[in-house]
N, C-alpha and C. Protein backbone atom coordinates (compact mmCIF):
# COMPACT_ATOMS: atom_id res chain seq x y z
N UNK A 1 -9.73 -14.38 17.10
CA UNK A 1 -8.29 -14.32 17.26
C UNK A 1 -7.94 -13.23 18.27
N UNK A 2 -7.04 -13.54 19.17
CA UNK A 2 -6.63 -12.62 20.22
C UNK A 2 -5.73 -11.53 19.64
N UNK A 3 -6.14 -10.28 19.76
CA UNK A 3 -5.34 -9.17 19.23
C UNK A 3 -4.92 -8.20 20.33
N UNK A 4 -4.89 -8.66 21.59
CA UNK A 4 -4.47 -7.78 22.66
C UNK A 4 -2.95 -7.82 22.78
N UNK A 5 -2.38 -6.73 23.22
CA UNK A 5 -0.94 -6.61 23.38
C UNK A 5 -0.47 -7.35 24.63
N UNK A 6 0.73 -7.85 24.56
CA UNK A 6 1.38 -8.49 25.69
C UNK A 6 1.52 -7.46 26.82
N UNK A 7 1.28 -7.88 28.07
CA UNK A 7 1.36 -6.95 29.20
C UNK A 7 2.76 -6.81 29.76
N UNK A 8 3.73 -7.55 29.23
CA UNK A 8 5.10 -7.52 29.74
C UNK A 8 5.70 -6.13 29.58
N UNK A 9 6.37 -5.67 30.64
CA UNK A 9 7.07 -4.39 30.58
C UNK A 9 8.57 -4.64 30.53
N UNK A 10 9.22 -4.02 29.58
CA UNK A 10 10.67 -4.17 29.43
C UNK A 10 11.38 -3.39 30.53
N UNK A 11 12.70 -3.58 30.62
CA UNK A 11 13.49 -2.89 31.65
C UNK A 11 13.37 -1.38 31.57
N UNK A 12 13.19 -0.86 30.35
CA UNK A 12 13.06 0.59 30.20
C UNK A 12 11.64 1.09 30.44
N UNK A 13 10.75 0.17 30.83
CA UNK A 13 9.37 0.55 31.13
C UNK A 13 8.45 0.49 29.93
N UNK A 14 9.01 0.24 28.75
CA UNK A 14 8.20 0.17 27.53
C UNK A 14 7.46 -1.17 27.50
N UNK A 15 6.21 -1.14 27.07
CA UNK A 15 5.42 -2.36 26.98
C UNK A 15 5.83 -3.15 25.74
N UNK A 16 5.86 -4.47 25.88
CA UNK A 16 6.16 -5.36 24.75
C UNK A 16 5.15 -5.08 23.63
N UNK A 17 5.62 -5.12 22.40
CA UNK A 17 4.75 -4.85 21.25
C UNK A 17 4.13 -6.12 20.67
N UNK A 18 4.50 -7.27 21.25
CA UNK A 18 3.96 -8.54 20.77
C UNK A 18 2.49 -8.70 21.13
N UNK A 19 1.84 -9.65 20.47
CA UNK A 19 0.44 -9.94 20.76
C UNK A 19 0.35 -11.09 21.75
N UNK A 20 -0.58 -10.98 22.66
CA UNK A 20 -0.80 -12.03 23.65
C UNK A 20 -1.28 -13.30 22.96
N UNK A 21 -0.80 -14.44 23.49
CA UNK A 21 -1.23 -15.73 22.94
C UNK A 21 -2.56 -16.12 23.58
N UNK A 22 -3.20 -17.12 23.02
CA UNK A 22 -4.51 -17.58 23.48
C UNK A 22 -4.44 -17.94 24.96
N UNK A 23 -5.42 -17.53 25.69
CA UNK A 23 -5.56 -17.84 27.12
C UNK A 23 -4.42 -17.29 27.97
N UNK A 24 -3.82 -16.17 27.56
CA UNK A 24 -2.74 -15.56 28.33
C UNK A 24 -2.74 -14.06 28.11
N UNK A 25 -2.12 -13.34 29.04
CA UNK A 25 -1.95 -11.90 28.89
C UNK A 25 -0.62 -11.59 28.21
N UNK A 26 0.20 -12.62 28.00
CA UNK A 26 1.56 -12.46 27.49
C UNK A 26 1.71 -13.02 26.08
N UNK A 27 2.74 -12.52 25.38
CA UNK A 27 3.13 -13.12 24.11
C UNK A 27 3.89 -14.40 24.39
N UNK A 28 4.19 -15.17 23.37
CA UNK A 28 4.90 -16.44 23.54
C UNK A 28 6.26 -16.24 24.21
N UNK A 29 6.95 -15.16 23.90
CA UNK A 29 8.28 -14.91 24.46
C UNK A 29 8.26 -14.55 25.94
N UNK A 30 7.17 -13.97 26.42
CA UNK A 30 7.14 -13.49 27.80
C UNK A 30 6.20 -14.25 28.72
N UNK A 31 5.46 -15.21 28.21
CA UNK A 31 4.52 -15.95 29.05
C UNK A 31 5.29 -16.83 30.03
N UNK A 32 5.12 -16.58 31.34
CA UNK A 32 5.83 -17.38 32.34
C UNK A 32 5.52 -18.87 32.24
N UNK A 33 4.33 -19.22 31.80
CA UNK A 33 3.94 -20.63 31.68
C UNK A 33 4.70 -21.32 30.54
N UNK A 34 5.28 -20.54 29.63
CA UNK A 34 5.99 -21.11 28.48
C UNK A 34 7.50 -21.12 28.69
N UNK A 35 7.96 -20.71 29.88
CA UNK A 35 9.39 -20.58 30.13
C UNK A 35 10.13 -21.89 29.90
N UNK A 36 9.62 -22.99 30.41
CA UNK A 36 10.31 -24.28 30.26
C UNK A 36 10.39 -24.69 28.79
N UNK A 37 9.33 -24.46 28.04
CA UNK A 37 9.33 -24.79 26.61
C UNK A 37 10.36 -23.94 25.86
N UNK A 38 10.46 -22.64 26.23
CA UNK A 38 11.45 -21.76 25.59
C UNK A 38 12.87 -22.23 25.91
N UNK A 39 13.11 -22.60 27.16
CA UNK A 39 14.43 -23.08 27.55
C UNK A 39 14.77 -24.38 26.83
N UNK A 40 13.79 -25.25 26.69
CA UNK A 40 14.00 -26.52 25.99
C UNK A 40 14.38 -26.28 24.53
N UNK A 41 13.68 -25.35 23.86
CA UNK A 41 14.00 -25.01 22.46
C UNK A 41 15.40 -24.43 22.37
N UNK A 42 15.77 -23.57 23.33
CA UNK A 42 17.10 -22.97 23.32
C UNK A 42 18.18 -24.02 23.51
N UNK A 43 17.93 -24.99 24.40
CA UNK A 43 18.90 -26.07 24.63
C UNK A 43 19.10 -26.90 23.36
N UNK A 44 18.04 -27.09 22.62
CA UNK A 44 18.13 -27.86 21.38
C UNK A 44 18.72 -27.04 20.24
N UNK A 45 18.93 -25.77 20.48
CA UNK A 45 19.54 -24.91 19.46
C UNK A 45 18.64 -24.67 18.26
N UNK A 46 17.35 -24.71 18.48
CA UNK A 46 16.42 -24.47 17.39
C UNK A 46 16.24 -25.66 16.49
N UNK A 47 16.86 -26.80 16.82
CA UNK A 47 16.74 -27.99 15.99
C UNK A 47 15.29 -28.47 15.98
N UNK A 48 14.89 -28.98 14.86
CA UNK A 48 13.54 -29.48 14.72
C UNK A 48 13.56 -30.74 13.87
N UNK A 49 12.76 -31.70 14.26
CA UNK A 49 12.70 -32.94 13.48
C UNK A 49 12.22 -32.68 12.06
N UNK A 50 11.42 -31.63 11.88
CA UNK A 50 10.90 -31.35 10.54
C UNK A 50 11.97 -30.86 9.59
N UNK A 51 13.16 -30.48 10.13
CA UNK A 51 14.23 -30.00 9.28
C UNK A 51 15.42 -30.94 9.25
N UNK A 52 15.17 -32.20 9.54
CA UNK A 52 16.25 -33.17 9.43
C UNK A 52 16.65 -33.28 7.97
N UNK A 53 17.87 -33.74 7.76
CA UNK A 53 18.40 -33.85 6.40
C UNK A 53 17.54 -34.82 5.59
N UNK A 54 17.10 -34.35 4.45
CA UNK A 54 16.30 -35.19 3.57
C UNK A 54 17.21 -35.99 2.67
N UNK A 55 16.87 -37.22 2.45
CA UNK A 55 17.62 -38.07 1.53
C UNK A 55 16.79 -38.23 0.26
N UNK A 56 17.03 -37.38 -0.72
CA UNK A 56 16.30 -37.44 -1.98
C UNK A 56 17.22 -37.98 -3.05
N UNK A 57 16.68 -38.80 -3.89
CA UNK A 57 17.45 -39.37 -4.99
C UNK A 57 17.23 -38.52 -6.24
N UNK A 58 17.83 -37.32 -6.21
CA UNK A 58 17.68 -36.40 -7.34
C UNK A 58 18.96 -36.37 -8.16
N UNK A 59 18.82 -36.47 -9.48
CA UNK A 59 20.02 -36.39 -10.32
C UNK A 59 20.57 -34.96 -10.30
N UNK A 60 21.87 -34.81 -10.53
CA UNK A 60 22.43 -33.45 -10.59
C UNK A 60 21.85 -32.70 -11.79
N UNK A 61 21.72 -31.39 -11.62
CA UNK A 61 21.27 -30.56 -12.73
C UNK A 61 22.47 -30.22 -13.59
N UNK A 62 22.32 -30.38 -14.90
CA UNK A 62 23.40 -30.06 -15.84
C UNK A 62 23.11 -28.67 -16.41
N UNK A 63 23.76 -27.67 -15.83
CA UNK A 63 23.48 -26.28 -16.20
C UNK A 63 24.70 -25.68 -16.89
N UNK A 64 24.52 -25.31 -18.16
CA UNK A 64 25.60 -24.70 -18.93
C UNK A 64 25.28 -23.26 -19.33
N UNK A 65 23.98 -22.94 -19.34
CA UNK A 65 23.58 -21.59 -19.74
C UNK A 65 22.22 -21.26 -19.14
N UNK A 66 21.74 -20.06 -19.41
CA UNK A 66 20.47 -19.61 -18.82
C UNK A 66 19.28 -20.44 -19.30
N UNK A 67 19.34 -20.96 -20.50
CA UNK A 67 18.25 -21.81 -20.99
C UNK A 67 18.15 -23.09 -20.16
N UNK A 68 19.30 -23.63 -19.75
CA UNK A 68 19.28 -24.82 -18.88
C UNK A 68 18.62 -24.50 -17.54
N UNK A 69 18.82 -23.28 -17.05
CA UNK A 69 18.19 -22.87 -15.79
C UNK A 69 16.68 -22.82 -15.96
N UNK A 70 16.22 -22.24 -17.05
CA UNK A 70 14.78 -22.17 -17.32
C UNK A 70 14.20 -23.58 -17.41
N UNK A 71 14.86 -24.47 -18.10
CA UNK A 71 14.38 -25.85 -18.21
C UNK A 71 14.37 -26.55 -16.84
N UNK A 72 15.36 -26.27 -16.02
CA UNK A 72 15.41 -26.85 -14.68
C UNK A 72 14.25 -26.36 -13.82
N UNK A 73 13.94 -25.08 -13.92
CA UNK A 73 12.82 -24.52 -13.17
C UNK A 73 11.51 -25.19 -13.60
N UNK A 74 11.33 -25.35 -14.90
CA UNK A 74 10.11 -26.02 -15.39
C UNK A 74 10.04 -27.47 -14.91
N UNK A 75 11.17 -28.15 -14.89
CA UNK A 75 11.23 -29.53 -14.40
C UNK A 75 10.84 -29.59 -12.92
N UNK A 76 11.36 -28.67 -12.14
CA UNK A 76 11.07 -28.66 -10.70
C UNK A 76 9.61 -28.35 -10.44
N UNK A 77 9.05 -27.44 -11.20
CA UNK A 77 7.62 -27.14 -11.07
C UNK A 77 6.81 -28.42 -11.27
N UNK A 78 7.13 -29.16 -12.29
CA UNK A 78 6.39 -30.40 -12.56
C UNK A 78 6.64 -31.46 -11.49
N UNK A 79 7.86 -31.50 -10.94
CA UNK A 79 8.15 -32.46 -9.88
C UNK A 79 7.37 -32.14 -8.60
N UNK A 80 7.18 -30.86 -8.33
CA UNK A 80 6.37 -30.48 -7.17
C UNK A 80 4.91 -30.84 -7.43
N UNK A 81 4.43 -30.54 -8.61
CA UNK A 81 3.03 -30.81 -8.94
C UNK A 81 2.70 -32.29 -8.90
N UNK A 82 3.68 -33.14 -9.20
CA UNK A 82 3.43 -34.59 -9.18
C UNK A 82 3.83 -35.24 -7.87
N UNK A 83 4.30 -34.42 -6.91
CA UNK A 83 4.65 -34.94 -5.60
C UNK A 83 6.00 -35.64 -5.52
N UNK A 84 6.85 -35.45 -6.52
CA UNK A 84 8.16 -36.10 -6.51
C UNK A 84 9.13 -35.44 -5.54
N UNK A 85 8.99 -34.13 -5.33
CA UNK A 85 9.83 -33.44 -4.35
C UNK A 85 8.96 -32.54 -3.50
N UNK A 86 9.34 -32.35 -2.23
CA UNK A 86 8.56 -31.48 -1.34
C UNK A 86 8.68 -30.01 -1.77
N UNK A 87 7.62 -29.26 -1.57
CA UNK A 87 7.65 -27.84 -1.96
C UNK A 87 8.79 -27.06 -1.31
N UNK A 88 9.13 -27.34 -0.05
CA UNK A 88 10.21 -26.57 0.58
C UNK A 88 11.56 -26.86 -0.07
N UNK A 89 11.75 -28.08 -0.59
CA UNK A 89 12.98 -28.40 -1.32
C UNK A 89 12.99 -27.64 -2.64
N UNK A 90 11.84 -27.61 -3.29
CA UNK A 90 11.73 -26.88 -4.55
C UNK A 90 11.97 -25.39 -4.35
N UNK A 91 11.52 -24.85 -3.24
CA UNK A 91 11.74 -23.43 -2.94
C UNK A 91 13.24 -23.15 -2.83
N UNK A 92 13.95 -24.02 -2.15
CA UNK A 92 15.39 -23.85 -1.99
C UNK A 92 16.09 -23.95 -3.34
N UNK A 93 15.75 -24.97 -4.11
CA UNK A 93 16.36 -25.15 -5.42
C UNK A 93 16.04 -23.96 -6.32
N UNK A 94 14.78 -23.51 -6.28
CA UNK A 94 14.38 -22.37 -7.09
C UNK A 94 15.14 -21.11 -6.73
N UNK A 95 15.35 -20.90 -5.44
CA UNK A 95 16.12 -19.75 -4.98
C UNK A 95 17.55 -19.81 -5.54
N UNK A 96 18.17 -20.97 -5.43
CA UNK A 96 19.54 -21.12 -5.93
C UNK A 96 19.61 -20.99 -7.45
N UNK A 97 18.60 -21.49 -8.14
CA UNK A 97 18.56 -21.32 -9.59
C UNK A 97 18.42 -19.84 -9.96
N UNK A 98 17.68 -19.09 -9.15
CA UNK A 98 17.56 -17.65 -9.38
C UNK A 98 18.90 -16.94 -9.26
N UNK A 99 19.68 -17.35 -8.27
CA UNK A 99 21.03 -16.78 -8.11
C UNK A 99 21.90 -17.15 -9.30
N UNK A 100 21.81 -18.41 -9.73
CA UNK A 100 22.60 -18.85 -10.89
C UNK A 100 22.20 -18.06 -12.14
N UNK A 101 20.90 -17.84 -12.32
CA UNK A 101 20.44 -17.09 -13.48
C UNK A 101 20.99 -15.66 -13.47
N UNK A 102 20.98 -15.02 -12.31
CA UNK A 102 21.54 -13.67 -12.20
C UNK A 102 23.03 -13.68 -12.51
N UNK A 103 23.72 -14.70 -12.04
CA UNK A 103 25.16 -14.81 -12.32
C UNK A 103 25.41 -14.94 -13.82
N UNK A 104 24.61 -15.75 -14.50
CA UNK A 104 24.77 -15.89 -15.95
C UNK A 104 24.47 -14.57 -16.65
N UNK A 105 23.46 -13.85 -16.19
CA UNK A 105 23.13 -12.57 -16.81
C UNK A 105 24.27 -11.57 -16.64
N UNK A 106 24.83 -11.49 -15.44
CA UNK A 106 25.95 -10.58 -15.18
C UNK A 106 27.15 -11.00 -16.02
N UNK A 107 27.39 -12.29 -16.10
CA UNK A 107 28.49 -12.81 -16.89
C UNK A 107 28.33 -12.41 -18.36
N UNK A 108 27.10 -12.49 -18.85
CA UNK A 108 26.82 -12.12 -20.24
C UNK A 108 27.06 -10.64 -20.48
N UNK A 109 26.66 -9.81 -19.54
CA UNK A 109 26.88 -8.36 -19.67
C UNK A 109 28.37 -8.06 -19.66
N UNK A 110 29.11 -8.72 -18.76
CA UNK A 110 30.56 -8.52 -18.70
C UNK A 110 31.23 -8.86 -20.03
N UNK A 111 30.80 -9.95 -20.64
CA UNK A 111 31.38 -10.36 -21.93
C UNK A 111 31.06 -9.34 -23.02
N UNK A 112 29.84 -8.79 -22.99
CA UNK A 112 29.46 -7.78 -23.98
C UNK A 112 30.29 -6.51 -23.80
N UNK A 113 30.47 -6.10 -22.54
CA UNK A 113 31.27 -4.90 -22.27
C UNK A 113 32.70 -5.13 -22.74
N UNK A 114 33.24 -6.30 -22.49
CA UNK A 114 34.60 -6.61 -22.92
C UNK A 114 34.70 -6.56 -24.45
N UNK A 115 33.71 -7.10 -25.13
CA UNK A 115 33.72 -7.08 -26.60
C UNK A 115 33.64 -5.64 -27.12
N UNK A 116 32.83 -4.81 -26.47
CA UNK A 116 32.70 -3.40 -26.89
C UNK A 116 34.04 -2.68 -26.66
N UNK A 117 34.65 -2.94 -25.50
CA UNK A 117 35.95 -2.31 -25.22
C UNK A 117 36.99 -2.72 -26.24
N UNK A 118 37.00 -3.98 -26.62
CA UNK A 118 37.95 -4.45 -27.64
C UNK A 118 37.71 -3.74 -28.95
N UNK A 119 36.44 -3.58 -29.32
CA UNK A 119 36.11 -2.92 -30.58
C UNK A 119 36.50 -1.44 -30.54
N UNK A 120 36.26 -0.78 -29.40
CA UNK A 120 36.55 0.65 -29.29
C UNK A 120 38.04 0.95 -29.17
N UNK A 121 38.74 0.13 -28.41
CA UNK A 121 40.13 0.44 -28.12
C UNK A 121 41.11 -0.49 -28.82
N UNK A 122 40.62 -1.40 -29.60
CA UNK A 122 41.48 -2.30 -30.34
C UNK A 122 42.28 -3.25 -29.47
N UNK A 123 41.75 -3.55 -28.28
CA UNK A 123 42.44 -4.49 -27.38
C UNK A 123 42.19 -5.92 -27.83
N UNK A 124 43.15 -6.75 -27.55
CA UNK A 124 42.99 -8.18 -27.90
C UNK A 124 43.16 -9.03 -26.70
């Protein structure tokens, strides 16, 4: 594996900190031979066929509490293991379920604080 530094010098004279790509003295960003490919990617706005919208026939998740989130995570794990959904879709769903779980936890703490305040101050 090529571990040499890119030879490109920035405007301030500092050398690029990137690693040179195979068969080049430059990193991917500074290799003159890659200029057209970089411009083409920029024109496409970073779009990639691998990230086209997926059409999956997944039922909505019915989430009412944190236990439903745990069950959903277990379901998604099994769907990935059996090839029913792509791992990158599962990663996204798992991330969102993590946010939902944190929201439920915060919501639960807020309710407990409110109950304690009612008990302490006699608020209704």
